[in-house]
Amino acid sequence: MKKLLFTALFIIGAASASQAQIYFEEEQDSLSFKDRVYFGGNFSFNLGTRFTYIDVSPLAGYMVNEDFSVGMGLTYLYLSREFQVFGGGDFKVQSSVYGGRAFLRHTVIDNYFVHGEFETLNTQFPALDGSQGTTREWVPGLFIGGGTFQPVFGRGGINITVLYNLLHDDFKSPYNSALVIRGGVTF
C-alpha cells in the first residue's frame, strides 16, 4: 500500500507542471451554459487474489466559476471479494455494484483541487444472519480529499484524485480500504 501511495503522490507532483487554466480562457461572464458543462469519468481497479474490483464511473459537471464546480455521476463496479467466515473457511462474493454520486470540487492552487463527494452504492455481501446466503444493501460513502488536473487536449485533461471515505465499513463497503485513488479524464 505504501508503494501505491508513493506512486500516486509522485504522479500528482509530476502532473502539476502545467499551470494552464483551460475552462476559463475567456472572460467568465461571457461563457454560456454549454461552455461551463463538462463530461468525463473515472476508472480505477484493484486486482488481487482475495479482493478484485474494476470501477467505471462516468460523470457530468458544471463550472460555477473558474475555481468551483459541482457535478454528479454514475458508478459501476465489478467486485470479487473473499470474506472470512466465523468458524473457518472463506465465502466468495462476485457481483455487480452500482449507484451514483454527487461531488463538489474547488481549485485551491493552480491545478490542485480539494474534492468532497457523497456516494451511495448497491452492493452485495454475506448475510449477517449467519446463513450461507448473501444480501444486497445501499451503502453510503462520504469522501474528502484532493488531487490534480493536468490539461491535455482542448478543454479536457486527466486527473488523479486521492480520497478518504469517512463512512467506510470494512464489511459492507465495496472498496478494500477507506483510502480510494482514482484516475479520470474530462472533456
Protein backbone atom coordinates (compact mmCIF):
# COMPACT_ATOMS: atom_id res chain seq x y z
CA MET A 1 0.00 0.00 0.00
CA LYS A 2 2.88 2.37 0.78
CA LYS A 3 4.33 1.83 -2.70
CA LEU A 4 0.95 2.59 -4.28
CA LEU A 5 0.54 5.76 -2.21
CA PHE A 6 4.09 6.91 -3.03
CA THR A 7 3.49 6.26 -6.74
CA ALA A 8 0.22 8.23 -6.66
CA LEU A 9 1.87 11.18 -4.91
CA PHE A 10 4.73 11.11 -7.42
CA ILE A 11 2.27 11.17 -10.34
CA ILE A 12 0.32 14.03 -8.74
CA GLY A 13 3.54 16.02 -8.34
CA ALA A 14 4.68 15.32 -11.88
CA ALA A 15 1.29 16.12 -13.38
CA SER A 16 1.20 19.56 -11.79
CA ALA A 17 3.90 21.01 -14.02
CA SER A 18 1.41 22.84 -16.25
CA GLN A 19 -0.16 25.99 -14.85
CA ALA A 20 -2.87 26.44 -17.51
CA GLN A 21 -6.48 27.12 -16.64
CA ILE A 22 -8.34 25.64 -19.57
CA TYR A 23 -12.03 26.05 -18.76
CA PHE A 24 -11.93 29.81 -18.37
CA GLU A 25 -9.59 31.08 -21.05
CA GLU A 26 -12.31 33.61 -21.95
CA GLU A 27 -13.97 36.21 -19.76
CA GLN A 28 -16.03 34.33 -17.16
CA ASP A 29 -19.24 36.31 -17.75
CA SER A 30 -19.25 35.57 -21.50
CA LEU A 31 -19.33 31.77 -21.11
CA SER A 32 -22.60 30.05 -21.97
CA PHE A 33 -24.12 27.17 -20.04
CA LYS A 34 -22.78 24.78 -22.68
CA ASP A 35 -19.23 26.13 -22.21
CA ARG A 36 -19.43 25.55 -18.46
CA VAL A 37 -20.58 21.91 -18.68
CA TYR A 38 -18.01 19.15 -18.82
CA PHE A 39 -18.14 15.37 -19.08
CA GLY A 40 -15.74 12.65 -18.22
CA GLY A 41 -15.27 9.74 -15.95
CA ASN A 42 -13.10 7.82 -13.57
CA PHE A 43 -11.50 4.45 -13.93
CA SER A 44 -9.88 2.54 -11.12
CA PHE A 45 -9.10 -1.04 -10.29
CA ASN A 46 -7.58 -3.32 -7.72
CA LEU A 47 -6.58 -6.80 -8.86
CA GLY A 48 -5.80 -9.39 -6.23
CA THR A 49 -6.42 -12.96 -5.18
CA ARG A 50 -8.81 -12.18 -2.30
CA PHE A 51 -10.15 -8.82 -3.50
CA THR A 52 -10.68 -7.54 -7.05
CA TYR A 53 -12.68 -4.60 -8.33
CA ILE A 54 -12.91 -2.75 -11.61
CA ASP A 55 -14.60 0.67 -11.48
CA VAL A 56 -16.06 2.57 -14.45
CA SER A 57 -17.74 5.83 -13.43
CA PRO A 58 -18.98 8.41 -15.98
CA LEU A 59 -19.67 11.94 -14.70
CA ALA A 60 -21.04 15.33 -15.70
CA GLY A 61 -20.04 18.60 -14.07
CA TYR A 62 -20.76 22.30 -14.17
CA MET A 63 -18.15 25.04 -13.64
CA VAL A 64 -19.87 27.57 -11.35
CA ASN A 65 -16.81 29.85 -11.62
CA GLU A 66 -13.16 29.38 -12.52
CA ASP A 67 -12.37 27.69 -9.19
CA PHE A 68 -15.54 25.83 -8.22
CA SER A 69 -17.52 23.05 -9.88
CA VAL A 70 -20.36 20.72 -8.96
CA GLY A 71 -21.41 17.51 -10.58
CA MET A 72 -22.83 14.04 -10.43
CA GLY A 73 -22.04 10.67 -11.81
CA LEU A 74 -22.91 7.01 -12.03
CA THR A 75 -20.77 4.19 -10.72
CA TYR A 76 -20.46 0.60 -11.86
CA LEU A 77 -18.07 -1.83 -10.19
CA TYR A 78 -17.33 -5.45 -10.87
CA LEU A 79 -16.45 -6.86 -7.45
CA SER A 80 -14.97 -10.18 -6.43
CA ARG A 81 -14.30 -10.42 -2.71
CA GLU A 82 -13.44 -13.20 -0.31
CA PHE A 83 -14.80 -12.99 3.24
CA GLN A 84 -13.53 -14.90 6.27
CA VAL A 85 -16.38 -16.94 7.74
CA PHE A 86 -16.62 -17.41 11.51
CA GLY A 87 -15.60 -20.96 12.38
CA GLY A 88 -13.14 -21.21 9.49
CA GLY A 89 -13.34 -21.19 5.75
CA ASP A 90 -13.93 -18.49 3.18
CA PHE A 91 -17.02 -17.15 1.44
CA LYS A 92 -16.56 -15.56 -2.00
CA VAL A 93 -18.95 -12.99 -3.47
CA GLN A 94 -18.78 -11.94 -7.11
CA SER A 95 -21.25 -9.25 -8.08
CA SER A 96 -22.08 -6.05 -9.86
CA VAL A 97 -22.14 -2.93 -7.71
CA TYR A 98 -23.99 0.16 -8.96
CA GLY A 99 -25.08 3.55 -7.76
CA GLY A 100 -24.49 7.26 -8.01
CA ARG A 101 -22.62 10.18 -6.53
CA ALA A 102 -22.65 13.96 -6.26
CA PHE A 103 -19.48 16.00 -5.84
CA LEU A 104 -18.04 19.45 -5.20
CA ARG A 105 -14.58 20.45 -6.39
CA HIS A 106 -12.65 23.62 -5.59
CA THR A 107 -9.32 24.59 -7.14
CA VAL A 108 -7.01 25.88 -4.42
CA ILE A 109 -3.64 26.40 -6.13
CA ASP A 110 -3.04 26.24 -9.89
CA ASN A 111 -4.08 22.71 -10.93
CA TYR A 112 -4.60 21.31 -7.41
CA PHE A 113 -8.11 20.88 -6.07
CA VAL A 114 -9.97 19.73 -2.98
CA HIS A 115 -12.85 17.35 -3.52
CA GLY A 116 -15.91 16.34 -1.48
CA GLU A 117 -18.32 13.63 -2.56
CA PHE A 118 -21.34 11.69 -1.37
CA GLU A 119 -21.82 8.29 -2.96
CA THR A 120 -24.33 5.52 -2.43
CA LEU A 121 -23.73 2.07 -3.91
CA ASN A 122 -25.93 -1.01 -4.04
CA THR A 123 -23.57 -3.82 -3.10
CA GLN A 124 -23.77 -7.48 -2.19
CA PHE A 125 -22.11 -9.14 0.81
CA PRO A 126 -22.66 -12.22 3.02
CA ALA A 127 -25.89 -12.21 5.01
CA LEU A 128 -25.44 -11.04 8.57
CA ASP A 129 -27.83 -13.71 9.91
CA GLY A 130 -25.17 -16.45 9.70
CA SER A 131 -26.67 -18.20 6.68
CA GLN A 132 -24.57 -19.06 3.64
CA GLY A 133 -26.56 -16.58 1.52
CA THR A 134 -25.91 -13.01 0.52
CA THR A 135 -27.79 -9.76 0.92
CA ARG A 136 -27.89 -6.52 -1.08
CA GLU A 137 -27.88 -3.13 0.55
CA TRP A 138 -27.33 0.53 -0.32
CA VAL A 139 -24.03 1.52 1.30
CA PRO A 140 -23.22 5.24 1.66
CA GLY A 141 -19.79 6.82 1.32
CA LEU A 142 -18.68 10.32 2.26
CA PHE A 143 -15.34 11.14 0.62
CA ILE A 144 -12.96 14.02 1.24
CA GLY A 145 -9.62 14.57 -0.40
CA GLY A 146 -7.98 16.23 -3.32
CA GLY A 147 -6.00 15.82 -6.45
CA THR A 148 -4.56 17.42 -9.51
CA PHE A 149 -5.80 18.19 -13.01
CA GLN A 150 -3.45 18.14 -15.99
CA PRO A 151 -4.74 19.83 -19.18
CA VAL A 152 -4.03 17.63 -22.18
CA PHE A 153 -6.33 18.40 -25.09
CA GLY A 154 -8.63 21.34 -25.84
CA ARG A 155 -10.93 21.79 -22.86
CA GLY A 156 -10.11 18.43 -21.35
CA GLY A 157 -7.43 16.66 -19.46
CA ILE A 158 -6.61 13.99 -16.94
CA ASN A 159 -6.92 14.00 -13.18
CA ILE A 160 -5.78 11.94 -10.25
CA THR A 161 -7.81 12.10 -7.06
CA VAL A 162 -6.93 10.68 -3.64
CA LEU A 163 -9.97 10.36 -1.37
CA TYR A 164 -10.69 9.15 2.15
CA ASN A 165 -14.11 7.62 2.90
CA LEU A 166 -15.31 8.90 6.29
CA LEU A 167 -18.13 6.30 6.32
CA HIS A 168 -16.02 3.29 5.31
CA ASP A 169 -17.34 -0.04 6.61
CA ASP A 170 -14.80 -2.89 6.26
CA PHE A 171 -17.56 -5.46 5.80
CA LYS A 172 -20.11 -3.66 3.60
CA SER A 173 -18.03 -1.22 1.56
CA PRO A 174 -17.11 -2.36 -1.95
CA TYR A 175 -13.72 -0.69 -1.50
CA ASN A 176 -10.96 -2.65 0.21
CA SER A 177 -9.83 0.42 2.17
CA ALA A 178 -11.08 3.82 3.28
CA LEU A 179 -8.38 5.30 1.00
CA VAL A 180 -9.50 5.39 -2.64
CA ILE A 181 -7.31 6.52 -5.56
CA ARG A 182 -8.98 7.35 -8.86
CA GLY A 183 -7.73 8.32 -12.27
CA GLY A 184 -10.00 10.08 -14.72
CA VAL A 185 -10.47 12.19 -17.83
CA THR A 186 -12.68 15.16 -18.68
CA PHE A 187 -13.61 16.76 -21.97
